[in-house]
Structure formats: structure tokens, C-alpha cells
Amino acid sequence: MTIYLVAFGVLLVCGSYVHLYFLGAEVSSLNFYVSNIYLFHAVFSFLLCSVFYVLSKIHKFQHQLGFIYLGALLFKVLAFSVIFYSVLFQQETLSYNERLSLLIPVFVFMAPELYFISKILLKIHPVKN
């Protein structure tokens, strides 16, 4: 589980700094902190991968992990919507930079999350050629 902490920690720090660097002066026009968005995704992805690692060791849950992951993705979207409700729903429209700043961290953290989850699932159910 240490690899998850390191991977998502590095993505949190590097991703948010690179994102802020490319935004430059546009940071002041955002109605939220980009680092909070990155922090949410880093914590949620770390917890999700850690929980899946633990659940993969319990025989009772091994065949259900794919379905649990789909439910976890739905929960992630709902939790994000609740936590960042004011950013998402209380403004009339989001600017292009705001929309990108909300969407980029999703993909930044989705890639390693899917990689780690797929490795866990492949250990349980290896592909047979």
C-alpha cells in the first residue's frame, strides 16, 4: 500500500504545481482552489486502491470487486458533487478554465487508479491465453 501513497502523493504535489504553473495569472479568476480538487482526488484514489487491496485478500469479496469498483466510481462522483457543491452548482456558468481545472485532475488520478485496480483484479483472476 506504500506504493499507492507514494504514487498519489507525487501526483498530488506535482500535478497541482504544474496545473497552477500553466494557469499562471488565470488562477485568480478561478472560484476555487485547484489544490483542493487535487487533494480530493488523491485521497479518494489512495483510499480506494487501499480498500481494494485489502478486499482482494478476503475470499468472500474477490468475485465482486469489479462491481464494487463501479459503485465506488459512482460514490466518488456523488462525494465530489457534495463537497464541491458551491463550485459546481451555485454559479450560473463555469468558465473554460474552471471546467478544465475541474476535469484535468479527474483524468490525472483516474489513470493510476485504473492501473492499480486492474493489477489487483488480474492477481485474483489472471488472464489465460
C-alpha atoms as a PDB file:
ATOM      1  CA  MET A   1       0.000   0.000   0.000  1.00  0.00           C
ATOM      2  CA  THR A   2       3.036   2.232   0.297  1.00  0.00           C
ATOM      3  CA  ILE A   3       3.263   2.405  -3.475  1.00  0.00           C
ATOM      4  CA  TYR A   4      -0.247   3.871  -3.566  1.00  0.00           C
ATOM      5  CA  LEU A   5       0.665   6.527  -1.025  1.00  0.00           C
ATOM      6  CA  VAL A   6       3.824   7.473  -2.907  1.00  0.00           C
ATOM      7  CA  ALA A   7       2.172   7.461  -6.340  1.00  0.00           C
ATOM      8  CA  PHE A   8      -0.834   9.528  -5.370  1.00  0.00           C
ATOM      9  CA  GLY A   9       1.265  11.820  -3.156  1.00  0.00           C
ATOM     10  CA  VAL A  10       3.623  12.571  -6.039  1.00  0.00           C
ATOM     11  CA  LEU A  11       0.676  13.176  -8.357  1.00  0.00           C
ATOM     12  CA  LEU A  12      -0.898  15.480  -5.793  1.00  0.00           C
ATOM     13  CA  VAL A  13       2.183  17.648  -5.398  1.00  0.00           C
ATOM     14  CA  CYS A  14       3.463  17.600  -8.980  1.00  0.00           C
ATOM     15  CA  GLY A  15       0.040  17.727 -10.617  1.00  0.00           C
ATOM     16  CA  SER A  16      -1.206  20.693  -8.635  1.00  0.00           C
ATOM     17  CA  TYR A  17       2.020  22.669  -9.082  1.00  0.00           C
ATOM     18  CA  VAL A  18       2.178  22.009 -12.814  1.00  0.00           C
ATOM     19  CA  HIS A  19      -1.503  22.869 -13.134  1.00  0.00           C
ATOM     20  CA  LEU A  20      -1.019  26.128 -11.240  1.00  0.00           C
ATOM     21  CA  TYR A  21       2.074  26.933 -13.281  1.00  0.00           C
ATOM     22  CA  PHE A  22       0.164  26.606 -16.559  1.00  0.00           C
ATOM     23  CA  LEU A  23      -2.749  28.631 -15.228  1.00  0.00           C
ATOM     24  CA  GLY A  24      -0.394  31.469 -14.290  1.00  0.00           C
ATOM     25  CA  ALA A  25      -2.297  34.710 -13.799  1.00  0.00           C
ATOM     26  CA  GLU A  26      -5.605  32.956 -14.501  1.00  0.00           C
ATOM     27  CA  VAL A  27      -5.511  31.390 -11.010  1.00  0.00           C
ATOM     28  CA  SER A  28      -7.096  34.493  -9.536  1.00  0.00           C
ATOM     29  CA  SER A  29     -10.098  34.130 -11.872  1.00  0.00           C
ATOM     30  CA  LEU A  30     -10.982  30.677 -10.521  1.00  0.00           C
ATOM     31  CA  ASN A  31     -13.680  30.486  -7.854  1.00  0.00           C
ATOM     32  CA  PHE A  32     -11.998  27.537  -6.100  1.00  0.00           C
ATOM     33  CA  TYR A  33      -8.569  26.245  -5.136  1.00  0.00           C
ATOM     34  CA  VAL A  34      -7.098  23.810  -7.634  1.00  0.00           C
ATOM     35  CA  SER A  35      -5.112  22.177  -4.845  1.00  0.00           C
ATOM     36  CA  ASN A  36      -8.372  21.202  -3.080  1.00  0.00           C
ATOM     37  CA  ILE A  37      -9.549  19.408  -6.215  1.00  0.00           C
ATOM     38  CA  TYR A  38      -6.243  17.538  -6.451  1.00  0.00           C
ATOM     39  CA  LEU A  39      -6.362  16.734  -2.731  1.00  0.00           C
ATOM     40  CA  PHE A  40      -9.848  15.238  -3.025  1.00  0.00           C
ATOM     41  CA  HIS A  41      -8.836  13.001  -5.929  1.00  0.00           C
ATOM     42  CA  ALA A  42      -5.546  11.960  -4.307  1.00  0.00           C
ATOM     43  CA  VAL A  43      -7.161  10.987  -1.011  1.00  0.00           C
ATOM     44  CA  PHE A  44     -10.099   9.216  -2.623  1.00  0.00           C
ATOM     45  CA  SER A  45      -7.914   7.302  -5.097  1.00  0.00           C
ATOM     46  CA  PHE A  46      -5.489   6.268  -2.349  1.00  0.00           C
ATOM     47  CA  LEU A  47      -8.311   5.064  -0.118  1.00  0.00           C
ATOM     48  CA  LEU A  48     -10.000   3.260  -2.975  1.00  0.00           C
ATOM     49  CA  CYS A  49      -6.849   1.385  -4.001  1.00  0.00           C
ATOM     50  CA  SER A  50      -6.022   0.554  -0.382  1.00  0.00           C
ATOM     51  CA  VAL A  51      -9.506  -0.770   0.314  1.00  0.00           C
ATOM     52  CA  PHE A  52      -9.409  -2.840  -2.866  1.00  0.00           C
ATOM     53  CA  TYR A  53      -6.044  -4.269  -1.866  1.00  0.00           C
ATOM     54  CA  VAL A  54      -7.489  -5.342   1.499  1.00  0.00           C
ATOM     55  CA  LEU A  55     -10.710  -6.670  -0.034  1.00  0.00           C
ATOM     56  CA  SER A  56      -8.737  -8.678  -2.598  1.00  0.00           C
ATOM     57  CA  LYS A  57      -7.284 -10.702   0.287  1.00  0.00           C
ATOM     58  CA  ILE A  58     -10.766 -11.655   1.534  1.00  0.00           C
ATOM     59  CA  HIS A  59     -12.093 -14.577  -0.496  1.00  0.00           C
ATOM     60  CA  LYS A  60     -15.702 -13.510   0.035  1.00  0.00           C
ATOM     61  CA  PHE A  61     -15.194 -10.266  -1.946  1.00  0.00           C
ATOM     62  CA  GLN A  62     -12.823 -11.428  -4.686  1.00  0.00           C
ATOM     63  CA  HIS A  63     -15.512 -12.107  -7.283  1.00  0.00           C
ATOM     64  CA  GLN A  64     -17.395  -8.894  -6.501  1.00  0.00           C
ATOM     65  CA  LEU A  65     -14.541  -6.382  -6.809  1.00  0.00           C
ATOM     66  CA  GLY A  66     -15.418  -5.274 -10.338  1.00  0.00           C
ATOM     67  CA  PHE A  67     -18.949  -4.407  -9.293  1.00  0.00           C
ATOM     68  CA  ILE A  68     -17.707  -2.761  -6.124  1.00  0.00           C
ATOM     69  CA  TYR A  69     -15.411  -0.583  -8.236  1.00  0.00           C
ATOM     70  CA  LEU A  70     -18.326   0.601 -10.372  1.00  0.00           C
ATOM     71  CA  GLY A  71     -20.219   1.533  -7.226  1.00  0.00           C
ATOM     72  CA  ALA A  72     -17.139   3.271  -5.843  1.00  0.00           C
ATOM     73  CA  LEU A  73     -16.877   5.393  -9.001  1.00  0.00           C
ATOM     74  CA  LEU A  74     -20.490   6.455  -8.590  1.00  0.00           C
ATOM     75  CA  PHE A  75     -19.812   7.248  -4.936  1.00  0.00           C
ATOM     76  CA  LYS A  76     -16.738   9.284  -5.954  1.00  0.00           C
ATOM     77  CA  VAL A  77     -18.818  11.414  -8.322  1.00  0.00           C
ATOM     78  CA  LEU A  78     -21.503  11.922  -5.673  1.00  0.00           C
ATOM     79  CA  ALA A  79     -18.959  12.763  -2.951  1.00  0.00           C
ATOM     80  CA  PHE A  80     -17.241  15.242  -5.286  1.00  0.00           C
ATOM     81  CA  SER A  81     -20.589  16.844  -6.103  1.00  0.00           C
ATOM     82  CA  VAL A  82     -21.491  17.201  -2.438  1.00  0.00           C
ATOM     83  CA  ILE A  83     -18.095  18.507  -1.309  1.00  0.00           C
ATOM     84  CA  PHE A  84     -17.751  20.966  -4.193  1.00  0.00           C
ATOM     85  CA  TYR A  85     -21.453  21.805  -4.465  1.00  0.00           C
ATOM     86  CA  SER A  86     -20.896  25.567  -4.365  1.00  0.00           C
ATOM     87  CA  VAL A  87     -18.333  25.393  -7.158  1.00  0.00           C
ATOM     88  CA  LEU A  88     -20.408  23.157  -9.400  1.00  0.00           C
ATOM     89  CA  PHE A  89     -23.994  24.265  -8.904  1.00  0.00           C
ATOM     90  CA  GLN A  90     -24.217  27.718  -7.374  1.00  0.00           C
ATOM     91  CA  GLN A  91     -22.680  29.588 -10.278  1.00  0.00           C
ATOM     92  CA  GLU A  92     -24.628  30.273 -13.392  1.00  0.00           C
ATOM     93  CA  THR A  93     -21.859  29.105 -15.706  1.00  0.00           C
ATOM     94  CA  LEU A  94     -18.302  27.900 -15.317  1.00  0.00           C
ATOM     95  CA  SER A  95     -15.588  29.494 -17.407  1.00  0.00           C
ATOM     96  CA  TYR A  96     -13.489  27.383 -19.757  1.00  0.00           C
ATOM     97  CA  ASN A  97     -10.517  27.472 -17.339  1.00  0.00           C
ATOM     98  CA  GLU A  98     -12.745  26.418 -14.440  1.00  0.00           C
ATOM     99  CA  ARG A  99     -14.182  23.497 -16.371  1.00  0.00           C
ATOM    100  CA  LEU A 100     -10.717  22.340 -17.403  1.00  0.00           C
ATOM    101  CA  SER A 101      -9.398  22.787 -13.881  1.00  0.00           C
ATOM    102  CA  LEU A 102     -12.152  20.531 -12.582  1.00  0.00           C
ATOM    103  CA  LEU A 103     -11.731  17.914 -15.308  1.00  0.00           C
ATOM    104  CA  ILE A 104      -7.943  17.580 -15.603  1.00  0.00           C
ATOM    105  CA  PRO A 105      -7.428  16.158 -12.078  1.00  0.00           C
ATOM    106  CA  VAL A 106     -10.085  13.522 -12.785  1.00  0.00           C
ATOM    107  CA  PHE A 107      -8.001  12.103 -15.622  1.00  0.00           C
ATOM    108  CA  VAL A 108      -4.678  12.616 -13.834  1.00  0.00           C
ATOM    109  CA  PHE A 109      -5.805  10.402 -10.952  1.00  0.00           C
ATOM    110  CA  MET A 110      -8.016   8.045 -12.968  1.00  0.00           C
ATOM    111  CA  ALA A 111      -5.084   6.597 -14.934  1.00  0.00           C
ATOM    112  CA  PRO A 112      -3.007   5.299 -11.997  1.00  0.00           C
ATOM    113  CA  GLU A 113      -6.164   4.338 -10.108  1.00  0.00           C
ATOM    114  CA  LEU A 114      -7.263   2.122 -13.001  1.00  0.00           C
ATOM    115  CA  TYR A 115      -3.744   0.728 -13.325  1.00  0.00           C
ATOM    116  CA  PHE A 116      -3.563  -0.280  -9.662  1.00  0.00           C
ATOM    117  CA  ILE A 117      -7.106  -1.657  -9.571  1.00  0.00           C
ATOM    118  CA  SER A 118      -6.513  -3.678 -12.742  1.00  0.00           C
ATOM    119  CA  LYS A 119      -3.313  -5.129 -11.244  1.00  0.00           C
ATOM    120  CA  ILE A 120      -5.271  -6.169  -8.160  1.00  0.00           C
ATOM    121  CA  LEU A 121      -8.008  -7.749 -10.269  1.00  0.00           C
ATOM    122  CA  LEU A 122      -5.505  -9.552 -12.517  1.00  0.00           C
ATOM    123  CA  LYS A 123      -3.808 -11.101  -9.483  1.00  0.00           C
ATOM    124  CA  ILE A 124      -7.141 -12.601  -8.487  1.00  0.00           C
ATOM    125  CA  HIS A 125      -8.265 -13.611 -11.975  1.00  0.00           C
ATOM    126  CA  PRO A 126      -5.204 -13.975 -14.240  1.00  0.00           C
ATOM    127  CA  VAL A 127      -5.777 -13.857 -17.999  1.00  0.00           C
ATOM    128  CA  LYS A 128      -5.410 -17.266 -19.590  1.00  0.00           C
ATOM    129  CA  ASN A 129      -4.069 -17.472 -23.150  1.00  0.00           C
END
